[in-house]
Amino acid sequence: MTEIKIKTEFIKLDALLKFASLVNSGGEAKMLIQDGQVFVNGKICTMRGKKIRPEDIVSINGENEVKIVC
């Protein structure tokens, strides 16, 4: 599991995927999210603008888990 440090209260899901280098572009993030391939804390999330906060865990199809820390 990779830890990603943020300095703000939250980061939006699509921005996190790009920031963590899990996708190459915003378009790719959008498609993965819309297709139900992105999980937040073990549940499918289809909201691109979902606020991801410290201690949340994000993954794509259960792989490449990223934990947010502050």
Protein backbone atom coordinates (compact mmCIF):
# COMPACT_ATOMS: atom_id res chain seq x y z
CA MET A 1 0.00 0.00 0.00
CA THR A 2 1.32 3.40 -1.01
CA GLU A 3 0.80 6.41 1.26
CA ILE A 4 -0.01 9.75 -0.35
CA LYS A 5 0.48 12.85 1.77
CA ILE A 6 -1.83 15.80 1.25
CA LYS A 7 -1.60 19.21 2.88
CA THR A 8 -5.25 20.13 2.43
CA GLU A 9 -8.39 18.91 4.20
CA PHE A 10 -9.32 16.73 1.21
CA ILE A 11 -8.55 15.94 -2.43
CA LYS A 12 -11.11 15.08 -5.08
CA LEU A 13 -11.08 11.49 -6.30
CA ASP A 14 -10.21 12.21 -9.92
CA ALA A 15 -7.39 14.56 -8.88
CA LEU A 16 -6.05 11.94 -6.46
CA LEU A 17 -5.84 9.30 -9.17
CA LYS A 18 -3.71 11.66 -11.27
CA PHE A 19 -1.66 12.90 -8.28
CA ALA A 20 -0.87 9.32 -7.21
CA SER A 21 0.07 8.40 -10.81
CA LEU A 22 -2.58 5.68 -10.94
CA VAL A 23 -3.78 7.13 -14.27
CA ASN A 24 -2.12 9.11 -17.01
CA SER A 25 -4.87 11.67 -17.59
CA GLY A 26 -8.05 13.14 -16.23
CA GLY A 27 -9.96 11.45 -19.04
CA GLU A 28 -8.66 8.06 -17.97
CA ALA A 29 -9.64 8.80 -14.35
CA LYS A 30 -13.13 9.81 -15.46
CA MET A 31 -13.64 6.60 -17.45
CA LEU A 32 -12.41 4.31 -14.65
CA ILE A 33 -14.64 6.06 -12.11
CA GLN A 34 -17.71 5.99 -14.37
CA ASP A 35 -17.12 2.30 -15.17
CA GLY A 36 -17.20 1.42 -11.45
CA GLN A 37 -13.57 0.31 -11.31
CA VAL A 38 -12.53 2.67 -8.49
CA PHE A 39 -13.03 1.72 -4.86
CA VAL A 40 -13.00 4.06 -1.86
CA ASN A 41 -12.69 2.28 1.47
CA GLY A 42 -13.64 -1.00 -0.19
CA LYS A 43 -16.80 0.27 -1.91
CA ILE A 44 -17.29 1.19 -5.56
CA CYS A 45 -17.37 4.95 -6.05
CA THR A 46 -18.72 6.55 -9.23
CA MET A 47 -18.46 10.18 -8.06
CA ARG A 48 -15.50 11.96 -9.69
CA GLY A 49 -15.69 14.81 -7.21
CA LYS A 50 -15.85 12.62 -4.09
CA LYS A 51 -13.82 14.24 -1.33
CA ILE A 52 -11.04 11.91 -0.23
CA ARG A 53 -9.77 12.65 3.26
CA PRO A 54 -6.88 11.38 5.40
CA GLU A 55 -7.23 7.69 6.33
CA ASP A 56 -9.32 6.92 3.21
CA ILE A 57 -8.06 4.07 1.04
CA VAL A 58 -8.51 4.22 -2.73
CA SER A 59 -7.85 1.45 -5.25
CA ILE A 60 -8.53 0.52 -8.84
CA ASN A 61 -10.16 -2.91 -9.06
CA GLY A 62 -8.75 -3.77 -5.63
CA GLU A 63 -5.15 -3.25 -6.79
CA ASN A 64 -2.68 -0.38 -6.33
CA GLU A 65 -4.09 0.63 -2.94
CA VAL A 66 -3.36 4.19 -1.89
CA LYS A 67 -3.84 5.45 1.68
CA ILE A 68 -4.23 9.17 2.24
CA VAL A 69 -2.28 10.71 5.10
CA CYS A 70 -1.85 14.28 6.25
